[in-house]
Amino acid sequence: MDYTIIIGLEVHVQLLTESKMFSACGTDFGLPPNTQTDPVSLGMPGTLPVMNRKAFDLALKTAVALGAEIAAFTKWDRKNYYYPDLPKNYQISQYDLPFSRGGSIPIPVRKDGGGSRVRLTRVHLEEDTGKLTHGTGGFSEVDLNRAGIPLLEIVTEPDIRTVADAKGCLEELRLTLRYLGVSDCEMQEGSLRCDANINLHIPHEGRTVATPIVEIKNLNSFRSVERALQYEAERQYEKWKRDGLTIHDAHKETRGWNDPEGVTKPQRQKETAADYRYFPEPDLVPVEVDEPWIARIRATIGELPTERRQRFESDFGLSAYDANVLVEQGEEVADYFDAVVKATGEAKLASNWIQQDVLRIAKETKVSLAEFPVGAEGLADLINRVKRKELNTNQGREVLAKMIETGEPVDAVIAAGGYGMVSDQGEIVAAIEAAIAANPKAMDDLKGGKKKPEAVKGFLRGQVMKQTGGKADPALVSELLDAKLAELIG
């Protein structure tokens, strides 16, 4: 490219609380419009806010997990602006004294890059606004159900240089928040929303010029983040080639992403802090956070995705790819894998069975791992039997399917189905001799060089497995077949 992309993210996360940020009103999603409101969230005169302690704890948990510095003293501020979905005409937020600063989000290694960290400017807490639905005929409808829901704003430094890294950063943040249990991060429900700031650094006449910064709104999926940033980078470059305007020539602009059309569209010039007329919220006392409070929060933080990937690689010898697949499926899957490994001592086998069978079947049947009929103990029992050569891999998969279908344990399924593996050398040799005798053409092709040796051996192995009802030990079949063919061919 003829330019460098500069990206920073502003991520808004609804916290998992039963009540709103400053009132006892509920936070359930999907209720009829304007049925989950109260005088505080409606901005009625004379109402007073009361801080939600759980929301502050969840916010602290997030900031501590992301390595942020926690402020000993923090306060609330009024952010003043008029918008139809903001009934008070101001939002309670944090301005100059947020409860945390700094920290970072890792970007996992991908085949096309990654492996860096994105610094955070701040993590602060505020209340959500309502929602506008823009209909036909120029009319818009206001739903205030989400007005006042606790909202965490996570602001990154402009450290991101590729569209793929922007997506990777956002995906890792969502995964981390889910591991922490602070939010469900359902983008389609609006509990995780992202605005992206982007401009370009362009080499020009021996110096670097920067294009005006654009903030892109309405990014409601990882795919839209990618598409919007790619489109906007190309649009800014073409615009600069036409007008030559730089960051010093124009104000920051807000543009909305139109997903069906695949374009960004201008909305307004971005307001500055002065436009919002911030001042301390007079109806809320400041919050003082001491070390014992932080220690209590830190004790609730389990193993995070980055640490878990590293442990799966270092302790279990998994590849970076396998470790990432297991971890990115969520804490439930990673815990399941840990339990299977503990019971089998076989990390690679456990990884293969979970990825190739358990997750595939769970996806096909549309059930979560918590609802999956075969628990970690049952899968471990099955893997141990395959490992001891009581079953071969194909039989193991048949047994797993029966366990899922019937809900029966391994022993019951094996007894009912007559499963077992033939490991008697004499019986396998007899089956090999019978297969060779029944297929003289295969031997002629092998001796005459008409077919590759591996193709003929593969065919004969299949015939042996067929004769033994699929119960022969495949490794032993290959070993004895090679010996027999060497004896016959010389």
Protein backbone atom coordinates (compact mmCIF):
# COMPACT_ATOMS: atom_id res chain seq x y z
CA MET A 1 0.00 0.00 0.00
CA ASP A 2 0.99 3.62 -0.47
CA TYR A 3 -0.07 4.48 3.07
CA THR A 4 -0.15 3.23 6.68
CA ILE A 5 -3.52 2.73 8.35
CA ILE A 6 -3.87 4.15 11.88
CA ILE A 7 -6.75 2.63 13.86
CA GLY A 8 -8.04 3.08 17.39
CA LEU A 9 -11.13 1.44 18.85
CA GLU A 10 -13.81 2.66 21.24
CA VAL A 11 -15.68 -0.37 22.57
CA HIS A 12 -18.89 -0.12 24.60
CA VAL A 13 -19.82 -3.15 26.71
CA GLN A 14 -23.07 -3.66 28.59
CA LEU A 15 -22.33 -5.27 31.96
CA LEU A 16 -24.17 -8.32 33.32
CA THR A 17 -26.17 -6.77 36.13
CA GLU A 18 -29.75 -7.31 37.21
CA SER A 19 -30.43 -3.60 37.57
CA LYS A 20 -29.41 -0.40 35.81
CA MET A 21 -26.40 1.77 36.60
CA PHE A 22 -28.17 4.28 38.79
CA SER A 23 -31.58 2.75 39.55
CA ALA A 24 -33.28 -0.53 40.50
CA CYS A 25 -34.92 -0.91 37.07
CA GLY A 26 -34.30 -4.29 35.33
CA THR A 27 -31.97 -4.96 32.41
CA ASP A 28 -33.62 -7.88 30.53
CA PHE A 29 -33.18 -7.87 26.76
CA GLY A 30 -35.99 -8.25 24.25
CA LEU A 31 -38.93 -6.78 26.19
CA PRO A 32 -41.51 -4.63 24.36
CA PRO A 33 -40.30 -1.06 23.78
CA ASN A 34 -40.41 1.30 26.75
CA THR A 35 -41.63 -1.32 29.22
CA GLN A 36 -38.36 -1.53 31.17
CA THR A 37 -38.08 2.01 32.43
CA ASP A 38 -38.44 3.90 35.68
CA PRO A 39 -38.43 7.58 36.70
CA VAL A 40 -34.61 7.66 36.90
CA SER A 41 -33.96 6.22 33.43
CA LEU A 42 -36.73 8.42 32.01
CA GLY A 43 -35.07 11.51 33.47
CA MET A 44 -38.10 12.59 35.47
CA PRO A 45 -37.65 15.78 37.55
CA GLY A 46 -36.67 15.24 41.18
CA THR A 47 -35.19 11.75 40.73
CA LEU A 48 -31.77 10.94 42.17
CA PRO A 49 -29.24 8.33 40.98
CA VAL A 50 -27.73 5.64 43.24
CA MET A 51 -24.59 3.83 42.03
CA ASN A 52 -24.81 0.10 41.26
CA ARG A 53 -22.03 -1.54 43.32
CA LYS A 54 -22.01 -4.73 41.24
CA ALA A 55 -21.50 -2.73 38.05
CA PHE A 56 -18.49 -1.01 39.58
CA ASP A 57 -17.06 -4.36 40.71
CA LEU A 58 -17.44 -5.81 37.19
CA ALA A 59 -15.80 -2.72 35.72
CA LEU A 60 -12.90 -3.04 38.18
CA LYS A 61 -12.55 -6.73 37.34
CA THR A 62 -12.22 -5.89 33.65
CA ALA A 63 -9.67 -3.14 34.18
CA VAL A 64 -7.54 -5.25 36.53
CA ALA A 65 -7.61 -8.19 34.09
CA LEU A 66 -6.47 -5.90 31.27
CA GLY A 67 -3.55 -4.64 33.34
CA ALA A 68 -4.88 -1.12 33.84
CA GLU A 69 -3.82 1.19 36.65
CA ILE A 70 -6.70 1.67 39.09
CA ALA A 71 -7.30 5.16 40.42
CA ALA A 72 -7.61 5.52 44.19
CA PHE A 73 -10.12 8.36 43.65
CA THR A 74 -12.65 8.63 40.84
CA LYS A 75 -15.73 10.73 40.26
CA TRP A 76 -18.77 10.97 38.01
CA ASP A 77 -19.38 13.69 35.43
CA ARG A 78 -22.29 14.97 33.40
CA LYS A 79 -21.78 14.80 29.65
CA ASN A 80 -24.30 17.28 28.26
CA TYR A 81 -25.84 16.89 24.83
CA TYR A 82 -29.29 16.66 23.28
CA TYR A 83 -30.40 13.55 21.45
CA PRO A 84 -33.89 12.00 21.31
CA ASP A 85 -32.77 8.80 23.08
CA LEU A 86 -31.27 10.73 26.02
CA PRO A 87 -34.24 11.94 28.07
CA LYS A 88 -32.18 13.83 30.70
CA ASN A 89 -30.25 15.68 27.97
CA TYR A 90 -27.09 14.51 29.72
CA GLN A 91 -25.32 11.22 30.29
CA ILE A 92 -23.63 10.30 33.58
CA SER A 93 -20.11 9.32 32.56
CA GLN A 94 -16.48 9.89 33.59
CA TYR A 95 -14.27 12.60 32.13
CA ASP A 96 -10.97 13.70 33.67
CA LEU A 97 -10.77 11.22 36.56
CA PRO A 98 -11.79 7.79 35.19
CA PHE A 99 -11.44 4.81 37.51
CA SER A 100 -8.60 3.33 35.40
CA ARG A 101 -5.95 4.21 32.84
CA GLY A 102 -3.60 2.17 30.70
CA GLY A 103 -3.55 -1.59 30.24
CA SER A 104 -3.52 -3.53 26.97
CA ILE A 105 -5.28 -6.10 24.81
CA PRO A 106 -3.21 -8.88 23.15
CA ILE A 107 -3.75 -9.79 19.51
CA PRO A 108 -3.24 -13.56 19.09
CA VAL A 109 -0.90 -14.81 16.38
CA ARG A 110 -2.63 -15.64 13.10
CA LYS A 111 -1.33 -17.08 9.86
CA ASP A 112 -1.40 -13.59 8.36
CA GLY A 113 0.03 -11.71 11.35
CA GLY A 114 -0.97 -10.67 14.85
CA GLY A 115 1.11 -11.32 17.93
CA SER A 116 1.22 -7.73 19.17
CA ARG A 117 -0.49 -5.82 21.99
CA VAL A 118 -2.79 -2.81 21.73
CA ARG A 119 -2.36 -0.26 24.51
CA LEU A 120 -5.41 1.09 26.28
CA THR A 121 -5.96 4.76 26.99
CA ARG A 122 -8.59 4.17 29.64
CA VAL A 123 -11.49 2.05 30.80
CA HIS A 124 -14.36 4.01 32.30
CA LEU A 125 -17.94 3.45 33.38
CA GLU A 126 -21.10 5.24 32.32
CA GLU A 127 -24.79 4.69 31.65
CA ASP A 128 -26.16 3.58 28.28
CA THR A 129 -28.56 5.66 26.22
CA GLY A 130 -31.83 4.56 24.66
CA LYS A 131 -32.15 3.25 21.12
CA LEU A 132 -33.48 4.92 18.01
CA THR A 133 -35.05 2.89 15.22
CA HIS A 134 -35.14 4.81 11.94
CA GLY A 135 -38.15 3.86 9.87
CA THR A 136 -39.60 4.87 6.54
CA GLY A 137 -41.11 8.25 5.85
CA GLY A 138 -38.50 10.10 7.85
CA PHE A 139 -39.86 8.93 11.21
CA SER A 140 -37.81 7.44 14.05
CA GLU A 141 -39.00 5.53 17.11
CA VAL A 142 -37.44 5.79 20.56
CA ASP A 143 -37.03 2.77 22.88
CA LEU A 144 -35.70 3.64 26.35
CA ASN A 145 -35.44 0.06 27.67
CA ARG A 146 -31.65 0.13 27.58
CA ALA A 147 -31.35 3.71 28.87
CA GLY A 148 -29.34 3.56 32.08
CA ILE A 149 -27.87 0.04 31.64
CA PRO A 150 -24.28 -0.07 32.99
CA LEU A 151 -21.91 0.55 30.10
CA LEU A 152 -18.16 0.05 30.11
CA GLU A 153 -16.19 2.11 27.59
CA ILE A 154 -12.81 0.68 26.61
CA VAL A 155 -10.68 3.09 24.58
CA THR A 156 -7.51 1.95 22.83
CA GLU A 157 -4.52 3.94 21.71
CA PRO A 158 -4.19 4.27 17.90
CA ASP A 159 -1.81 1.28 17.82
CA ILE A 160 -3.56 -0.87 15.23
CA ARG A 161 -2.07 -0.91 11.74
CA THR A 162 -4.14 -3.47 9.82
CA VAL A 163 -7.82 -4.20 9.39
CA ALA A 164 -7.20 -7.85 10.37
CA ASP A 165 -5.54 -6.75 13.62
CA ALA A 166 -8.53 -4.53 14.43
CA LYS A 167 -10.81 -7.52 14.11
CA GLY A 168 -8.37 -9.72 16.06
CA CYS A 169 -8.16 -7.17 18.89
CA LEU A 170 -11.94 -6.95 19.14
CA GLU A 171 -12.36 -10.73 19.06
CA GLU A 172 -9.78 -11.21 21.82
CA LEU A 173 -11.42 -8.52 23.95
CA ARG A 174 -14.82 -10.19 23.59
CA LEU A 175 -13.33 -13.58 24.49
CA THR A 176 -11.61 -12.10 27.56
CA LEU A 177 -14.79 -10.37 28.74
CA ARG A 178 -16.69 -13.64 28.43
CA TYR A 179 -14.00 -15.53 30.37
CA LEU A 180 -14.31 -12.86 33.07
CA GLY A 181 -18.09 -13.24 33.12
CA VAL A 182 -18.68 -9.48 33.01
CA SER A 183 -20.77 -9.42 29.81
CA ASP A 184 -22.35 -11.81 27.32
CA CYS A 185 -20.94 -9.58 24.53
CA GLU A 186 -23.78 -10.41 22.13
CA MET A 187 -23.21 -7.93 19.30
CA GLN A 188 -26.60 -8.68 17.72
CA GLU A 189 -28.24 -7.62 21.00
CA GLY A 190 -26.11 -4.50 21.34
CA SER A 191 -24.29 -5.60 24.49
CA LEU A 192 -20.98 -5.11 22.67
CA ARG A 193 -20.71 -2.18 20.27
CA CYS A 194 -17.68 -0.75 18.56
CA ASP A 195 -16.76 2.61 17.06
CA ALA A 196 -13.54 2.77 15.10
CA ASN A 197 -11.31 5.82 14.58
CA ILE A 198 -9.22 5.69 11.43
CA ASN A 199 -6.93 7.89 9.38
CA LEU A 200 -3.95 7.38 7.09
CA HIS A 201 -0.28 8.30 7.22
CA ILE A 202 0.87 8.91 3.64
CA PRO A 203 4.49 9.40 2.53
CA HIS A 204 4.52 12.58 0.43
CA GLU A 205 7.42 14.71 -0.85
CA GLY A 206 9.88 13.44 1.75
CA ARG A 207 7.53 13.73 4.72
CA THR A 208 4.49 11.95 6.16
CA VAL A 209 1.08 13.58 6.01
CA ALA A 210 -1.94 12.46 8.03
CA THR A 211 -5.50 12.50 6.71
CA PRO A 212 -8.36 13.83 8.86
CA ILE A 213 -9.58 11.35 11.49
CA VAL A 214 -12.93 9.68 10.91
CA GLU A 215 -14.97 7.91 13.59
CA ILE A 216 -17.09 5.11 12.13
CA LYS A 217 -20.36 4.29 13.91
CA ASN A 218 -22.88 1.43 13.60
CA LEU A 219 -20.38 -1.45 13.58
CA ASN A 220 -22.43 -4.37 14.86
CA SER A 221 -20.40 -7.40 13.75
CA PHE A 222 -16.76 -8.38 13.31
CA ARG A 223 -17.36 -8.64 9.58
CA SER A 224 -18.71 -5.08 9.44
CA VAL A 225 -15.64 -3.83 11.35
CA GLU A 226 -13.40 -5.35 8.67
CA ARG A 227 -15.44 -4.13 5.74
CA ALA A 228 -15.97 -0.62 7.10
CA LEU A 229 -12.30 -0.06 7.91
CA GLN A 230 -11.16 -1.40 4.54
CA TYR A 231 -13.67 0.79 2.70
CA GLU A 232 -12.81 3.87 4.76
CA ALA A 233 -9.06 3.48 4.23
CA GLU A 234 -9.54 3.33 0.48
CA ARG A 235 -12.04 6.22 0.54
CA GLN A 236 -9.69 8.46 2.54
CA TYR A 237 -6.78 7.74 0.22
CA GLU A 238 -8.78 8.57 -2.90
CA LYS A 239 -10.16 11.71 -1.23
CA TRP A 240 -6.65 12.86 -0.23
CA LYS A 241 -5.45 12.36 -3.80
CA ARG A 242 -8.26 14.67 -4.94
CA ASP A 243 -8.16 17.46 -2.32
CA GLY A 244 -4.88 17.03 -0.39
CA LEU A 245 -6.58 17.86 2.93
CA THR A 246 -4.71 16.79 6.07
CA ILE A 247 -5.51 16.39 9.76
CA HIS A 248 -4.69 20.09 10.22
CA ASP A 249 -7.19 21.21 7.57
CA ALA A 250 -10.42 19.56 8.76
CA HIS A 251 -12.24 18.62 11.96
CA LYS A 252 -12.73 15.01 13.01
CA GLU A 253 -15.78 13.61 11.22
CA THR A 254 -18.35 11.01 12.30
CA ARG A 255 -19.52 8.65 9.57
CA GLY A 256 -22.03 5.82 9.80
CA TRP A 257 -21.47 2.38 8.28
CA ASN A 258 -24.21 1.30 5.86
CA ASP A 259 -23.79 -2.46 5.74
CA PRO A 260 -26.16 -3.29 2.84
CA GLU A 261 -24.47 -0.70 0.61
CA GLY A 262 -20.96 -1.37 1.95
CA VAL A 263 -20.14 2.32 2.39
CA THR A 264 -19.64 4.89 5.14
CA LYS A 265 -21.84 7.98 5.07
CA PRO A 266 -21.26 11.37 6.74
CA GLN A 267 -23.24 12.10 9.90
CA ARG A 268 -21.71 15.13 11.61
CA GLN A 269 -18.50 16.79 12.69
CA LYS A 270 -17.24 15.23 15.90
CA GLU A 271 -17.93 17.19 19.07
CA THR A 272 -15.08 18.19 21.35
CA ALA A 273 -14.97 17.96 25.14
CA ALA A 274 -15.93 21.64 25.31
CA ASP A 275 -19.09 20.91 23.30
CA TYR A 276 -20.20 18.42 25.95
CA ARG A 277 -19.77 20.96 28.79
CA TYR A 278 -18.56 18.34 31.27
CA PHE A 279 -18.92 19.13 34.95
CA PRO A 280 -18.90 16.93 38.11
CA GLU A 281 -22.16 15.08 38.73
CA PRO A 282 -23.63 16.82 41.80
CA ASP A 283 -25.93 13.94 42.81
CA LEU A 284 -23.24 11.23 43.16
CA VAL A 285 -20.37 11.05 45.60
CA PRO A 286 -16.86 10.19 44.35
CA VAL A 287 -15.63 6.60 44.71
CA GLU A 288 -12.44 5.71 46.58
CA VAL A 289 -10.87 2.36 45.71
CA ASP A 290 -8.41 0.91 48.22
CA GLU A 291 -5.94 -1.96 47.87
CA PRO A 292 -8.07 -4.53 49.76
CA TRP A 293 -10.92 -3.85 47.31
CA ILE A 294 -8.58 -4.41 44.34
CA ALA A 295 -7.20 -7.58 45.99
CA ARG A 296 -10.72 -8.99 46.41
CA ILE A 297 -11.44 -8.29 42.74
CA ARG A 298 -8.12 -9.80 41.59
CA ALA A 299 -8.90 -13.00 43.49
CA THR A 300 -12.02 -13.51 41.33
CA ILE A 301 -10.07 -13.43 38.05
CA GLY A 302 -9.34 -16.89 36.71
CA GLU A 303 -7.04 -17.97 33.90
CA LEU A 304 -7.43 -15.63 30.94
CA PRO A 305 -7.32 -16.70 27.27
CA THR A 306 -3.71 -15.65 26.63
CA GLU A 307 -2.44 -17.51 29.70
CA ARG A 308 -4.49 -20.57 28.82
CA ARG A 309 -3.12 -20.75 25.29
CA GLN A 310 0.41 -20.54 26.63
CA ARG A 311 -0.26 -23.31 29.17
CA PHE A 312 -1.83 -25.60 26.57
CA GLU A 313 1.27 -25.16 24.42
CA SER A 314 3.94 -25.37 27.13
CA ASP A 315 2.40 -27.98 29.46
CA PHE A 316 0.56 -30.15 26.94
CA GLY A 317 2.67 -29.68 23.81
CA LEU A 318 -0.25 -28.54 21.66
CA SER A 319 0.40 -26.52 18.54
CA ALA A 320 -0.47 -22.83 18.63
CA TYR A 321 -3.36 -23.59 16.25
CA ASP A 322 -4.87 -26.35 18.42
CA ALA A 323 -4.45 -24.30 21.60
CA ASN A 324 -6.17 -21.33 20.01
CA VAL A 325 -9.10 -23.37 18.66
CA LEU A 326 -9.82 -24.80 22.10
CA VAL A 327 -9.45 -21.49 23.94
CA GLU A 328 -11.43 -19.35 21.51
CA GLN A 329 -14.42 -21.69 21.81
CA GLY A 330 -14.88 -20.32 25.32
CA GLU A 331 -14.09 -21.24 28.90
CA GLU A 332 -16.57 -24.12 28.91
CA VAL A 333 -14.70 -25.93 26.11
CA ALA A 334 -11.27 -25.20 27.61
CA ASP A 335 -12.43 -26.58 30.99
CA TYR A 336 -13.81 -29.69 29.25
CA PHE A 337 -10.45 -30.23 27.53
CA ASP A 338 -8.57 -29.79 30.82
CA ALA A 339 -10.78 -32.41 32.48
CA VAL A 340 -10.30 -34.93 29.65
CA VAL A 341 -6.51 -34.46 29.68
CA LYS A 342 -6.42 -34.92 33.45
CA ALA A 343 -8.25 -38.24 33.13
CA THR A 344 -6.32 -39.55 30.12
CA GLY A 345 -2.86 -37.96 30.16
CA GLU A 346 -3.28 -37.58 26.40
CA ALA A 347 -3.50 -33.93 25.37
CA LYS A 348 -3.23 -34.46 21.61
CA LEU A 349 -5.79 -37.25 21.59
CA ALA A 350 -8.14 -35.18 23.76
CA SER A 351 -7.71 -32.19 21.44
CA ASN A 352 -8.42 -34.30 18.35
CA TRP A 353 -11.53 -35.93 19.78
CA ILE A 354 -12.95 -32.64 21.07
CA GLN A 355 -12.27 -30.70 17.87
CA GLN A 356 -13.16 -33.39 15.33
CA ASP A 357 -16.09 -35.01 17.12
CA VAL A 358 -17.46 -33.24 20.19
CA LEU A 359 -17.49 -29.69 18.79
CA ARG A 360 -18.65 -30.85 15.37
CA ILE A 361 -21.57 -32.81 16.80
CA ALA A 362 -22.45 -30.02 19.24
CA LYS A 363 -22.58 -27.59 16.32
CA GLU A 364 -24.65 -29.93 14.15
CA THR A 365 -27.15 -30.58 16.95
CA LYS A 366 -27.07 -26.93 18.09
CA VAL A 367 -26.39 -27.68 21.75
CA SER A 368 -23.92 -26.06 24.12
CA LEU A 369 -21.23 -28.13 25.79
CA ALA A 370 -23.18 -27.87 29.05
CA GLU A 371 -26.05 -29.72 27.30
CA PHE A 372 -23.80 -32.19 25.48
CA PRO A 373 -24.83 -35.76 26.42
CA VAL A 374 -21.25 -37.00 26.93
CA GLY A 375 -19.37 -35.28 29.71
CA ALA A 376 -15.60 -35.01 30.06
CA GLU A 377 -15.49 -38.15 32.23
CA GLY A 378 -17.35 -40.20 29.60
CA LEU A 379 -15.15 -39.00 26.73
CA ALA A 380 -12.02 -39.69 28.79
CA ASP A 381 -13.21 -43.25 29.45
CA LEU A 382 -13.73 -43.76 25.72
CA ILE A 383 -10.31 -42.31 24.82
CA ASN A 384 -8.62 -44.52 27.40
CA ARG A 385 -10.21 -47.62 25.83
CA VAL A 386 -8.99 -46.59 22.37
CA LYS A 387 -5.57 -45.91 23.86
CA ARG A 388 -5.53 -49.43 25.46
CA LYS A 389 -6.59 -50.87 22.08
CA GLU A 390 -9.84 -52.23 23.41
CA LEU A 391 -11.42 -50.29 20.53
CA ASN A 392 -10.02 -48.87 17.32
CA THR A 393 -10.67 -45.26 16.36
CA ASN A 394 -13.58 -46.02 14.04
CA GLN A 395 -15.24 -48.14 16.69
CA GLY A 396 -14.64 -45.39 19.20
CA ARG A 397 -16.51 -42.94 16.98
CA GLU A 398 -19.40 -45.40 16.62
CA VAL A 399 -19.50 -45.85 20.40
CA LEU A 400 -19.48 -42.07 20.92
CA ALA A 401 -22.41 -41.69 18.52
CA LYS A 402 -24.34 -44.35 20.46
CA MET A 403 -23.49 -42.69 23.78
CA ILE A 404 -24.89 -39.42 22.45
CA GLU A 405 -27.98 -41.12 21.03
CA THR A 406 -28.83 -43.26 24.06
CA GLY A 407 -27.26 -41.38 26.95
CA GLU A 408 -25.70 -44.70 28.07
CA PRO A 409 -22.13 -44.93 29.45
CA VAL A 410 -19.27 -46.53 27.52
CA ASP A 411 -19.59 -49.98 29.16
CA ALA A 412 -23.27 -50.30 28.32
CA VAL A 413 -22.82 -49.24 24.69
CA ILE A 414 -19.89 -51.63 24.16
CA ALA A 415 -21.79 -54.55 25.71
CA ALA A 416 -24.94 -53.87 23.68
CA GLY A 417 -23.06 -53.43 20.40
CA GLY A 418 -20.52 -56.20 20.79
CA TYR A 419 -17.65 -53.84 20.18
CA GLY A 420 -14.07 -54.92 20.70
CA MET A 421 -10.77 -55.06 18.85
CA VAL A 422 -9.07 -58.13 17.41
CA SER A 423 -5.41 -58.13 18.41
CA ASP A 424 -4.68 -61.84 18.00
CA GLN A 425 -1.86 -62.13 15.43
CA GLY A 426 -2.94 -65.56 14.23
CA GLU A 427 -6.47 -64.39 13.48
CA ILE A 428 -5.20 -61.29 11.65
CA VAL A 429 -2.64 -63.28 9.61
CA ALA A 430 -5.42 -65.68 8.57
CA ALA A 431 -7.54 -62.72 7.45
CA ILE A 432 -4.57 -61.32 5.48
CA GLU A 433 -3.99 -64.63 3.70
CA ALA A 434 -7.69 -64.89 2.89
CA ALA A 435 -7.73 -61.34 1.48
CA ILE A 436 -4.68 -62.04 -0.71
CA ALA A 437 -6.14 -65.30 -1.95
CA ALA A 438 -9.45 -63.64 -2.79
CA ASN A 439 -7.79 -60.82 -4.73
CA PRO A 440 -5.14 -62.29 -7.08
CA LYS A 441 -5.39 -59.27 -9.41
CA ALA A 442 -4.19 -56.99 -6.62
CA MET A 443 -1.09 -59.12 -6.22
CA ASP A 444 -0.51 -59.20 -9.99
CA ASP A 445 -0.77 -55.38 -10.12
CA LEU A 446 1.72 -55.11 -7.26
CA LYS A 447 4.22 -57.52 -8.78
CA GLY A 448 3.86 -56.05 -12.28
CA GLY A 449 4.19 -52.45 -11.09
CA LYS A 450 0.81 -51.52 -12.55
CA LYS A 451 -0.26 -49.82 -9.34
CA LYS A 452 1.68 -48.08 -6.63
CA PRO A 453 2.51 -50.36 -3.67
CA GLU A 454 0.70 -48.09 -1.18
CA ALA A 455 -2.49 -48.22 -3.24
CA VAL A 456 -2.46 -52.04 -3.30
CA LYS A 457 -1.60 -52.25 0.41
CA GLY A 458 -4.40 -49.83 1.23
CA PHE A 459 -6.88 -51.95 -0.72
CA LEU A 460 -5.78 -55.15 1.00
CA ARG A 461 -5.88 -53.48 4.44
CA GLY A 462 -9.49 -52.53 3.73
CA GLN A 463 -10.31 -56.12 2.80
CA VAL A 464 -8.75 -57.40 6.04
CA MET A 465 -10.72 -54.88 8.11
CA LYS A 466 -13.87 -55.94 6.27
CA GLN A 467 -13.26 -59.61 7.04
CA THR A 468 -12.73 -58.88 10.74
CA GLY A 469 -15.86 -56.75 10.95
CA GLY A 470 -13.76 -53.60 11.40
CA LYS A 471 -12.43 -54.94 14.70
CA ALA A 472 -8.81 -55.62 13.78
CA ASP A 473 -6.08 -53.39 15.22
CA PRO A 474 -5.22 -51.19 12.20
CA ALA A 475 -1.59 -50.73 13.24
CA LEU A 476 -1.11 -54.47 13.68
CA VAL A 477 -2.83 -55.16 10.35
CA SER A 478 -0.39 -52.81 8.57
CA GLU A 479 2.63 -54.37 10.26
CA LEU A 480 1.63 -57.98 9.50
CA LEU A 481 0.48 -57.15 5.96
CA ASP A 482 3.84 -55.52 5.16
CA ALA A 483 5.61 -58.62 6.48
CA LYS A 484 3.42 -60.98 4.45
CA LEU A 485 3.84 -59.03 1.20
CA ALA A 486 7.60 -58.86 1.68
CA GLU A 487 7.58 -62.62 2.13
CA LEU A 488 5.55 -63.22 -1.05
CA ILE A 489 7.26 -60.70 -3.31
CA GLY A 490 10.79 -61.05 -1.97
